[in-house]
Amino acid sequence: MLKIKDENYFKRSLKIFIIATSLLLLSFTLSIIFNPSFETFKNISNKVPSSLDNAQGLNKLWQYILNNAIRVPFQMFIFSLIPIPFLYFLNIVSTSIITGIAFGFAIHFDFNKGLLMVLSSIPHAIIETFAMCFVISGLYKLNKTIIRKISNLFRKNKKQNFSFVLAFSNLLKIYFLIALPLYILAAFLETYFTDFIYNLFT
C-alpha cells in the first residue's frame, strides 16, 4: 500500500527503537543511582524551546508539531547529507538520554508525583520515538547512498551504487505516510493526554 521500495525499513526502525529505548533506560537507571543535581536538571530544561514554555491548547499543539515533527526531522535530514555514517543519530541519542535523566530526576524529587509524570508521559514518548526511528530508517539509506557514491570516486573496483532518487523517494513516503501522523499523534497526547492523566490523579 505504501509502495516503499525498501524491504527492511520497518525492521531497521524497530532496531533503532530498541537502541533508543535502551539508552533511555540506561540513563534513567544511572539517574536513579547517582541522583543528578538540580543544576543538571535545569540545564536539561533549558533545552526545551522557549515557545513551549507558556503555550497552551492548540498553540501548544502546533508548537510541538513545529518543533518535533518539522524542525528536528529537518536537522536530521541535513546531518544525513554529510557523508559521515550515523551523524543523523545525534538527535535521537540526545533525546533518549535527556528523557531518561528527566524521568529519573522527577522520581528523585517527588516519588509519587514523579512516577505519575513518568507514567503519563510514556504513551507520547513511545510514539514520538517510533516516529523518529522511521525517519532515521529512511535517512540511513539516503546517507548510505551518498557515502557509496563518494567512496566510489576513490575506488578502483567500484561497488554497486544505490539510487539517490529512490532513497529520497522512500524517505518522503516514510515521513509523510508514517512518521508525520505519528508525530502529530504524539503532539496531541503530549498536549492533552499527559496533563489530563497527571491532573486526574493529583
C-alpha atoms as a PDB file:
ATOM      1  CA  MET A   1       0.000   0.000   0.000  1.00  0.00           C
ATOM      2  CA  LEU A   2       2.757   2.457   0.907  1.00  0.00           C
ATOM      3  CA  LYS A   3       4.882   1.256  -2.018  1.00  0.00           C
ATOM      4  CA  ILE A   4       8.099   1.889  -0.115  1.00  0.00           C
ATOM      5  CA  LYS A   5      10.779   0.092  -2.117  1.00  0.00           C
ATOM      6  CA  ASP A   6      12.876  -0.904   0.872  1.00  0.00           C
ATOM      7  CA  GLU A   7      12.008  -4.263   2.402  1.00  0.00           C
ATOM      8  CA  ASN A   8      13.974  -3.649   5.594  1.00  0.00           C
ATOM      9  CA  TYR A   9      12.772  -0.162   6.569  1.00  0.00           C
ATOM     10  CA  PHE A  10      10.402  -1.438   9.295  1.00  0.00           C
ATOM     11  CA  LYS A  11      12.892  -3.964  10.712  1.00  0.00           C
ATOM     12  CA  ARG A  12      15.546  -1.229  10.748  1.00  0.00           C
ATOM     13  CA  SER A  13      13.146   1.159  12.516  1.00  0.00           C
ATOM     14  CA  LEU A  14      12.479  -1.472  15.170  1.00  0.00           C
ATOM     15  CA  LYS A  15      16.207  -1.993  15.797  1.00  0.00           C
ATOM     16  CA  ILE A  16      16.713   1.774  16.154  1.00  0.00           C
ATOM     17  CA  PHE A  17      13.766   1.904  18.584  1.00  0.00           C
ATOM     18  CA  ILE A  18      15.370  -0.829  20.720  1.00  0.00           C
ATOM     19  CA  ILE A  19      18.659   1.122  20.797  1.00  0.00           C
ATOM     20  CA  ALA A  20      16.856   4.372  21.734  1.00  0.00           C
ATOM     21  CA  THR A  21      14.832   2.632  24.459  1.00  0.00           C
ATOM     22  CA  SER A  22      17.996   1.008  25.843  1.00  0.00           C
ATOM     23  CA  LEU A  23      19.697   4.422  26.050  1.00  0.00           C
ATOM     24  CA  LEU A  24      16.660   5.885  27.820  1.00  0.00           C
ATOM     25  CA  LEU A  25      16.528   3.034  30.338  1.00  0.00           C
ATOM     26  CA  LEU A  26      20.292   3.208  30.928  1.00  0.00           C
ATOM     27  CA  SER A  27      20.255   6.980  31.542  1.00  0.00           C
ATOM     28  CA  PHE A  28      17.127   6.582  33.710  1.00  0.00           C
ATOM     29  CA  THR A  29      18.832   3.880  35.813  1.00  0.00           C
ATOM     30  CA  LEU A  30      22.045   5.909  36.188  1.00  0.00           C
ATOM     31  CA  SER A  31      19.962   8.964  37.088  1.00  0.00           C
ATOM     32  CA  ILE A  32      18.210   6.972  39.819  1.00  0.00           C
ATOM     33  CA  ILE A  33      21.539   5.656  41.160  1.00  0.00           C
ATOM     34  CA  PHE A  34      23.579   8.867  41.060  1.00  0.00           C
ATOM     35  CA  ASN A  35      20.773  11.420  41.619  1.00  0.00           C
ATOM     36  CA  PRO A  36      21.702  14.319  39.273  1.00  0.00           C
ATOM     37  CA  SER A  37      21.879  17.812  40.758  1.00  0.00           C
ATOM     38  CA  PHE A  38      19.176  20.424  40.265  1.00  0.00           C
ATOM     39  CA  GLU A  39      21.601  22.354  38.023  1.00  0.00           C
ATOM     40  CA  THR A  40      21.804  19.352  35.691  1.00  0.00           C
ATOM     41  CA  PHE A  41      18.020  19.169  35.535  1.00  0.00           C
ATOM     42  CA  LYS A  42      17.830  22.926  34.972  1.00  0.00           C
ATOM     43  CA  ASN A  43      20.291  22.672  32.074  1.00  0.00           C
ATOM     44  CA  ILE A  44      18.159  19.925  30.541  1.00  0.00           C
ATOM     45  CA  SER A  45      15.024  22.035  30.967  1.00  0.00           C
ATOM     46  CA  ASN A  46      16.719  24.917  29.157  1.00  0.00           C
ATOM     47  CA  LYS A  47      16.886  22.736  26.044  1.00  0.00           C
ATOM     48  CA  VAL A  48      13.087  22.950  25.740  1.00  0.00           C
ATOM     49  CA  PRO A  49      12.186  25.620  23.146  1.00  0.00           C
ATOM     50  CA  SER A  50      11.073  28.856  24.841  1.00  0.00           C
ATOM     51  CA  SER A  51       7.984  28.959  22.601  1.00  0.00           C
ATOM     52  CA  LEU A  52       6.645  25.919  24.510  1.00  0.00           C
ATOM     53  CA  ASP A  53       7.048  27.416  27.984  1.00  0.00           C
ATOM     54  CA  ASN A  54       3.818  29.410  28.092  1.00  0.00           C
ATOM     55  CA  ALA A  55       1.959  27.868  25.160  1.00  0.00           C
ATOM     56  CA  GLN A  56      -1.493  26.428  25.794  1.00  0.00           C
ATOM     57  CA  GLY A  57      -4.098  24.424  23.901  1.00  0.00           C
ATOM     58  CA  LEU A  58      -3.924  24.466  20.105  1.00  0.00           C
ATOM     59  CA  ASN A  59      -0.949  26.828  20.159  1.00  0.00           C
ATOM     60  CA  LYS A  60       0.976  24.344  22.313  1.00  0.00           C
ATOM     61  CA  LEU A  61      -0.082  21.506  19.989  1.00  0.00           C
ATOM     62  CA  TRP A  62       1.179  23.459  16.971  1.00  0.00           C
ATOM     63  CA  GLN A  63       4.475  24.291  18.709  1.00  0.00           C
ATOM     64  CA  TYR A  64       5.050  20.597  19.463  1.00  0.00           C
ATOM     65  CA  ILE A  65       4.340  19.693  15.828  1.00  0.00           C
ATOM     66  CA  LEU A  66       6.540  22.521  14.545  1.00  0.00           C
ATOM     67  CA  ASN A  67       9.472  21.530  16.749  1.00  0.00           C
ATOM     68  CA  ASN A  68       9.241  17.725  16.901  1.00  0.00           C
ATOM     69  CA  ALA A  69       7.720  16.920  13.505  1.00  0.00           C
ATOM     70  CA  ILE A  70       9.358  19.575  11.318  1.00  0.00           C
ATOM     71  CA  ARG A  71      12.475  21.157  12.847  1.00  0.00           C
ATOM     72  CA  VAL A  72      14.011  18.005  14.337  1.00  0.00           C
ATOM     73  CA  PRO A  73      13.498  15.799  11.233  1.00  0.00           C
ATOM     74  CA  PHE A  74      14.884  18.614   9.076  1.00  0.00           C
ATOM     75  CA  GLN A  75      18.001  18.776  11.284  1.00  0.00           C
ATOM     76  CA  MET A  76      18.427  15.016  10.938  1.00  0.00           C
ATOM     77  CA  PHE A  77      17.979  15.308   7.170  1.00  0.00           C
ATOM     78  CA  ILE A  78      20.751  17.937   6.979  1.00  0.00           C
ATOM     79  CA  PHE A  79      23.041  15.676   9.045  1.00  0.00           C
ATOM     80  CA  SER A  80      22.304  12.748   6.708  1.00  0.00           C
ATOM     81  CA  LEU A  81      23.588  14.739   3.719  1.00  0.00           C
ATOM     82  CA  ILE A  82      27.040  14.851   5.338  1.00  0.00           C
ATOM     83  CA  PRO A  83      28.960  11.742   4.193  1.00  0.00           C
ATOM     84  CA  ILE A  84      29.640  10.542   7.742  1.00  0.00           C
ATOM     85  CA  PRO A  85      27.740   7.429   8.929  1.00  0.00           C
ATOM     86  CA  PHE A  86      25.190   7.766  11.742  1.00  0.00           C
ATOM     87  CA  LEU A  87      25.661  11.507  12.337  1.00  0.00           C
ATOM     88  CA  TYR A  88      21.881  11.864  11.980  1.00  0.00           C
ATOM     89  CA  PHE A  89      21.500   9.622  15.074  1.00  0.00           C
ATOM     90  CA  LEU A  90      22.603  12.509  17.335  1.00  0.00           C
ATOM     91  CA  ASN A  91      19.056  13.812  17.865  1.00  0.00           C
ATOM     92  CA  ILE A  92      17.551  10.525  18.986  1.00  0.00           C
ATOM     93  CA  VAL A  93      20.574   9.690  21.162  1.00  0.00           C
ATOM     94  CA  SER A  94      20.423  13.059  22.965  1.00  0.00           C
ATOM     95  CA  THR A  95      16.609  12.917  23.260  1.00  0.00           C
ATOM     96  CA  SER A  96      16.695   9.410  24.769  1.00  0.00           C
ATOM     97  CA  ILE A  97      19.411  10.301  27.287  1.00  0.00           C
ATOM     98  CA  ILE A  98      17.802  13.612  28.297  1.00  0.00           C
ATOM     99  CA  THR A  99      14.377  11.971  28.712  1.00  0.00           C
ATOM    100  CA  GLY A 100      15.869   9.223  30.889  1.00  0.00           C
ATOM    101  CA  ILE A 101      17.649  11.756  33.113  1.00  0.00           C
ATOM    102  CA  ALA A 102      14.492  13.902  33.390  1.00  0.00           C
ATOM    103  CA  PHE A 103      12.399  10.868  34.388  1.00  0.00           C
ATOM    104  CA  GLY A 104      14.978   9.837  36.985  1.00  0.00           C
ATOM    105  CA  PHE A 105      15.191  13.330  38.457  1.00  0.00           C
ATOM    106  CA  ALA A 106      11.391  13.632  38.647  1.00  0.00           C
ATOM    107  CA  ILE A 107      11.161  10.411  40.672  1.00  0.00           C
ATOM    108  CA  HIS A 108      14.012  11.531  42.969  1.00  0.00           C
ATOM    109  CA  PHE A 109      12.410  14.934  43.519  1.00  0.00           C
ATOM    110  CA  ASP A 110       8.974  13.561  44.447  1.00  0.00           C
ATOM    111  CA  PHE A 111       8.467   9.811  44.101  1.00  0.00           C
ATOM    112  CA  ASN A 112       4.662   9.775  43.801  1.00  0.00           C
ATOM    113  CA  LYS A 113       4.300  12.791  41.508  1.00  0.00           C
ATOM    114  CA  GLY A 114       7.434  11.846  39.596  1.00  0.00           C
ATOM    115  CA  LEU A 115       6.201   8.313  38.977  1.00  0.00           C
ATOM    116  CA  LEU A 116       2.853   9.696  37.823  1.00  0.00           C
ATOM    117  CA  MET A 117       4.612  12.136  35.497  1.00  0.00           C
ATOM    118  CA  VAL A 118       6.702   9.320  34.010  1.00  0.00           C
ATOM    119  CA  LEU A 119       3.701   7.022  33.506  1.00  0.00           C
ATOM    120  CA  SER A 120       1.608   9.779  31.924  1.00  0.00           C
ATOM    121  CA  SER A 121       4.499  10.680  29.596  1.00  0.00           C
ATOM    122  CA  ILE A 122       5.206   7.148  28.368  1.00  0.00           C
ATOM    123  CA  PRO A 123       2.492   6.985  25.626  1.00  0.00           C
ATOM    124  CA  HIS A 124       3.624  10.123  23.774  1.00  0.00           C
ATOM    125  CA  ALA A 125       7.313   9.315  24.381  1.00  0.00           C
ATOM    126  CA  ILE A 126       6.959   5.870  22.765  1.00  0.00           C
ATOM    127  CA  ILE A 127       5.033   7.174  19.745  1.00  0.00           C
ATOM    128  CA  GLU A 128       7.374  10.139  19.218  1.00  0.00           C
ATOM    129  CA  THR A 129      10.425   7.875  19.462  1.00  0.00           C
ATOM    130  CA  PHE A 130       8.910   5.491  16.926  1.00  0.00           C
ATOM    131  CA  ALA A 131       8.325   8.426  14.563  1.00  0.00           C
ATOM    132  CA  MET A 132      11.983   9.442  14.870  1.00  0.00           C
ATOM    133  CA  CYS A 133      13.056   5.845  14.264  1.00  0.00           C
ATOM    134  CA  PHE A 134      11.116   5.685  10.998  1.00  0.00           C
ATOM    135  CA  VAL A 135      12.706   8.941   9.824  1.00  0.00           C
ATOM    136  CA  ILE A 136      16.178   7.683  10.762  1.00  0.00           C
ATOM    137  CA  SER A 137      15.498   4.415   8.943  1.00  0.00           C
ATOM    138  CA  GLY A 138      14.832   6.383   5.756  1.00  0.00           C
ATOM    139  CA  LEU A 139      17.846   8.624   6.347  1.00  0.00           C
ATOM    140  CA  TYR A 140      20.061   5.550   6.760  1.00  0.00           C
ATOM    141  CA  LYS A 141      19.544   4.571   3.112  1.00  0.00           C
ATOM    142  CA  LEU A 142      19.907   8.161   1.912  1.00  0.00           C
ATOM    143  CA  ASN A 143      23.175   8.631   3.795  1.00  0.00           C
ATOM    144  CA  LYS A 144      24.451   5.228   2.656  1.00  0.00           C
ATOM    145  CA  THR A 145      23.729   6.215  -0.955  1.00  0.00           C
ATOM    146  CA  ILE A 146      25.727   9.449  -0.606  1.00  0.00           C
ATOM    147  CA  ILE A 147      28.665   7.687   1.083  1.00  0.00           C
ATOM    148  CA  ARG A 148      28.707   4.952  -1.582  1.00  0.00           C
ATOM    149  CA  LYS A 149      28.727   7.479  -4.448  1.00  0.00           C
ATOM    150  CA  ILE A 150      31.588   9.463  -2.886  1.00  0.00           C
ATOM    151  CA  SER A 151      33.645   6.403  -1.892  1.00  0.00           C
ATOM    152  CA  ASN A 152      33.311   5.008  -5.435  1.00  0.00           C
ATOM    153  CA  LEU A 153      35.127   8.075  -6.734  1.00  0.00           C
ATOM    154  CA  PHE A 154      38.268   6.814  -4.984  1.00  0.00           C
ATOM    155  CA  ARG A 155      37.920   3.087  -5.676  1.00  0.00           C
ATOM    156  CA  LYS A 156      39.482   1.120  -8.481  1.00  0.00           C
ATOM    157  CA  ASN A 157      36.873  -1.590  -8.126  1.00  0.00           C
ATOM    158  CA  LYS A 158      33.591   0.269  -7.891  1.00  0.00           C
ATOM    159  CA  LYS A 159      30.880  -1.031  -5.590  1.00  0.00           C
ATOM    160  CA  GLN A 160      27.291  -1.038  -6.760  1.00  0.00           C
ATOM    161  CA  ASN A 161      25.723   2.405  -6.431  1.00  0.00           C
ATOM    162  CA  PHE A 162      22.373   2.887  -4.747  1.00  0.00           C
ATOM    163  CA  SER A 163      19.762   5.135  -6.318  1.00  0.00           C
ATOM    164  CA  PHE A 164      19.642   8.537  -4.586  1.00  0.00           C
ATOM    165  CA  VAL A 165      16.258   9.287  -6.182  1.00  0.00           C
ATOM    166  CA  LEU A 166      14.805   6.013  -4.871  1.00  0.00           C
ATOM    167  CA  ALA A 167      16.259   6.549  -1.378  1.00  0.00           C
ATOM    168  CA  PHE A 168      14.894  10.112  -1.264  1.00  0.00           C
ATOM    169  CA  SER A 169      11.505   8.977  -2.585  1.00  0.00           C
ATOM    170  CA  ASN A 170      11.307   6.268   0.095  1.00  0.00           C
ATOM    171  CA  LEU A 171      12.283   8.821   2.742  1.00  0.00           C
ATOM    172  CA  LEU A 172       9.460  11.171   1.707  1.00  0.00           C
ATOM    173  CA  LYS A 173       6.921   8.332   1.773  1.00  0.00           C
ATOM    174  CA  ILE A 174       8.116   7.155   5.179  1.00  0.00           C
ATOM    175  CA  TYR A 175       7.982  10.698   6.555  1.00  0.00           C
ATOM    176  CA  PHE A 176       4.601  11.795   5.195  1.00  0.00           C
ATOM    177  CA  LEU A 177       2.744   8.479   5.416  1.00  0.00           C
ATOM    178  CA  ILE A 178       4.154   7.052   8.661  1.00  0.00           C
ATOM    179  CA  ALA A 179       6.318   9.425  10.719  1.00  0.00           C
ATOM    180  CA  LEU A 180       4.321  12.660  10.392  1.00  0.00           C
ATOM    181  CA  PRO A 181       0.998  11.099  11.530  1.00  0.00           C
ATOM    182  CA  LEU A 182       2.855   9.550  14.485  1.00  0.00           C
ATOM    183  CA  TYR A 183       4.444  12.909  15.344  1.00  0.00           C
ATOM    184  CA  ILE A 184       1.027  14.600  15.253  1.00  0.00           C
ATOM    185  CA  LEU A 185      -0.495  11.878  17.449  1.00  0.00           C
ATOM    186  CA  ALA A 186       2.414  12.217  19.906  1.00  0.00           C
ATOM    187  CA  ALA A 187       1.970  16.010  19.981  1.00  0.00           C
ATOM    188  CA  PHE A 188      -1.756  15.597  20.676  1.00  0.00           C
ATOM    189  CA  LEU A 189      -1.047  13.171  23.531  1.00  0.00           C
ATOM    190  CA  GLU A 190       1.696  15.415  24.940  1.00  0.00           C
ATOM    191  CA  THR A 191      -0.581  18.469  24.847  1.00  0.00           C
ATOM    192  CA  TYR A 192      -3.785  16.967  26.218  1.00  0.00           C
ATOM    193  CA  PHE A 193      -3.472  13.356  27.437  1.00  0.00           C
ATOM    194  CA  THR A 194      -0.351  13.740  29.601  1.00  0.00           C
ATOM    195  CA  ASP A 195      -1.758  16.725  31.527  1.00  0.00           C
ATOM    196  CA  PHE A 196      -5.197  15.074  31.774  1.00  0.00           C
ATOM    197  CA  ILE A 197      -3.792  11.887  33.336  1.00  0.00           C
ATOM    198  CA  TYR A 198      -1.452  13.834  35.633  1.00  0.00           C
ATOM    199  CA  ASN A 199      -4.218  16.187  36.853  1.00  0.00           C
ATOM    200  CA  LEU A 200      -6.648  13.293  37.241  1.00  0.00           C
ATOM    201  CA  PHE A 201      -4.502  11.618  39.882  1.00  0.00           C
ATOM    202  CA  THR A 202      -3.148  14.705  41.688  1.00  0.00           C
END
